[in-house]
C-alpha atoms as a PDB file:
ATOM      1  CA  MET A   1      81.551  90.470  98.963  1.00  0.00           C
ATOM      2  CA  LYS A   2      83.097  92.105 102.020  1.00  0.00           C
ATOM      3  CA  ASP A   3      86.074  90.501 103.683  1.00  0.00           C
ATOM      4  CA  PRO A   4      86.126  91.229 107.435  1.00  0.00           C
ATOM      5  CA  ILE A   5      89.929  91.128 107.570  1.00  0.00           C
ATOM      6  CA  VAL A   6      90.257  93.639 104.738  1.00  0.00           C
ATOM      7  CA  GLU A   7      87.647  95.861 106.408  1.00  0.00           C
ATOM      8  CA  GLU A   8      89.556  95.718 109.710  1.00  0.00           C
ATOM      9  CA  VAL A   9      92.879  96.572 108.039  1.00  0.00           C
ATOM     10  CA  ARG A  10      91.269  99.509 106.235  1.00  0.00           C
ATOM     11  CA  ALA A  11      89.724 100.776 109.477  1.00  0.00           C
ATOM     12  CA  ILE A  12      93.087 100.616 111.261  1.00  0.00           C
ATOM     13  CA  ARG A  13      94.770 102.357 108.324  1.00  0.00           C
ATOM     14  CA  ASP A  14      92.164 105.122 108.436  1.00  0.00           C
ATOM     15  CA  GLU A  15      92.589 105.494 112.204  1.00  0.00           C
ATOM     16  CA  ILE A  16      96.384 105.818 111.912  1.00  0.00           C
ATOM     17  CA  ALA A  17      96.094 108.315 109.062  1.00  0.00           C
ATOM     18  CA  GLY A  18      93.487 110.302 111.001  1.00  0.00           C
ATOM     19  CA  GLU A  19      95.823 110.612 113.996  1.00  0.00           C
ATOM     20  CA  SER A  20      98.269 112.402 111.679  1.00  0.00           C
ATOM     21  CA  SER A  21      95.637 114.490 109.889  1.00  0.00           C
ATOM     22  CA  TYR A  22      96.289 112.437 106.738  1.00  0.00           C
ATOM     23  CA  ASP A  23      99.708 114.140 106.404  1.00  0.00           C
ATOM     24  CA  ILE A  24     102.068 111.594 104.816  1.00  0.00           C
ATOM     25  CA  ASP A  25     105.164 113.192 106.368  1.00  0.00           C
ATOM     26  CA  ALA A  26     103.578 113.057 109.825  1.00  0.00           C
ATOM     27  CA  ILE A  27     102.543 109.426 109.265  1.00  0.00           C
ATOM     28  CA  PHE A  28     106.094 108.394 108.387  1.00  0.00           C
ATOM     29  CA  GLU A  29     107.510 110.353 111.341  1.00  0.00           C
ATOM     30  CA  MET A  30     105.062 108.554 113.646  1.00  0.00           C
ATOM     31  CA  LEU A  31     106.106 105.191 112.174  1.00  0.00           C
ATOM     32  CA  ARG A  32     109.810 106.061 112.514  1.00  0.00           C
ATOM     33  CA  LEU A  33     109.362 107.011 116.183  1.00  0.00           C
ATOM     34  CA  SER A  34     107.324 103.890 116.840  1.00  0.00           C
ATOM     35  CA  ALA A  35     110.055 101.713 115.322  1.00  0.00           C
ATOM     36  CA  ALA A  36     112.738 103.494 117.385  1.00  0.00           C
ATOM     37  CA  ARG A  37     110.740 103.036 120.625  1.00  0.00           C
ATOM     38  CA  SER A  38     110.145  99.350 119.974  1.00  0.00           C
ATOM     39  CA  GLY A  39     113.761  98.488 120.750  1.00  0.00           C
ATOM     40  CA  ARG A  40     113.764  95.862 118.009  1.00  0.00           C
ATOM     41  CA  ALA A  41     116.389  95.762 115.295  1.00  0.00           C
ATOM     42  CA  HIS A  42     115.020  96.794 111.910  1.00  0.00           C
ATOM     43  CA  THR A  43     116.925  95.766 108.822  1.00  0.00           C
ATOM     44  CA  SER A  44     116.386  95.766 105.105  1.00  0.00           C
ATOM     45  CA  PRO A  45     116.991  92.646 103.066  1.00  0.00           C
ATOM     46  CA  VAL A  46     120.218  92.603 101.106  1.00  0.00           C
ATOM     47  CA  PRO A  47     119.485  92.883  97.392  1.00  0.00           C
ATOM     48  CA  PRO A  48     120.611  89.886  95.358  1.00  0.00           C
ATOM     49  CA  GLN A  49     123.897  90.190  93.539  1.00  0.00           C
ATOM     50  CA  VAL A  50     123.404  90.077  89.795  1.00  0.00           C
ATOM     51  CA  GLU A  51     126.333  89.227  87.596  1.00  0.00           C
ATOM     52  CA  ARG A  52     126.639  91.559  84.668  1.00  0.00           C
ATOM     53  CA  PRO A  53     127.806  90.188  81.341  1.00  0.00           C
ATOM     54  CA  GLY A  54     131.342  91.132  80.409  1.00  0.00           C
ATOM     55  CA  TYR A  55     132.316  93.365  77.511  1.00  0.00           C
ATOM     56  CA  ALA A  56     132.824  90.386  75.179  1.00  0.00           C
ATOM     57  CA  ALA A  57     129.295  89.118  75.825  1.00  0.00           C
ATOM     58  CA  GLN A  58     127.885  92.584  75.124  1.00  0.00           C
ATOM     59  CA  GLN A  59     129.803  92.779  71.845  1.00  0.00           C
ATOM     60  CA  ALA A  60     128.624  89.312  70.806  1.00  0.00           C
ATOM     61  CA  ASN A  61     125.005  90.255  71.507  1.00  0.00           C
ATOM     62  CA  SER A  62     125.238  93.518  69.581  1.00  0.00           C
ATOM     63  CA  ALA A  63     126.956  91.772  66.640  1.00  0.00           C
ATOM     64  CA  ASP A  64     124.058  89.318  66.426  1.00  0.00           C
ATOM     65  CA  ARG A  65     121.542  92.096  65.882  1.00  0.00           C
ATOM     66  CA  ASP A  66     120.603  93.206  62.421  1.00  0.00           C
ATOM     67  CA  PRO A  67     120.944  97.039  62.398  1.00  0.00           C
ATOM     68  CA  ARG A  68     118.045  97.271  59.916  1.00  0.00           C
ATOM     69  CA  THR A  69     115.644  95.920  62.572  1.00  0.00           C
ATOM     70  CA  LEU A  70     116.619  98.342  65.347  1.00  0.00           C
END
């Protein structure tokens, strides 16, 4: 079963890649220039902060393990 939206996205992807002779570095340079010319702010999402267990929690976890099963 062919999805027309998927087919359209693939055709556009092939057209963009063809403009850069399928050179990945040239494709990314083209995308970088396009983003710079757009005048819009581009940001990356801030990664979530993950609390790391303290030393005591690590010791408790390692003490619970049976060394014969490692």
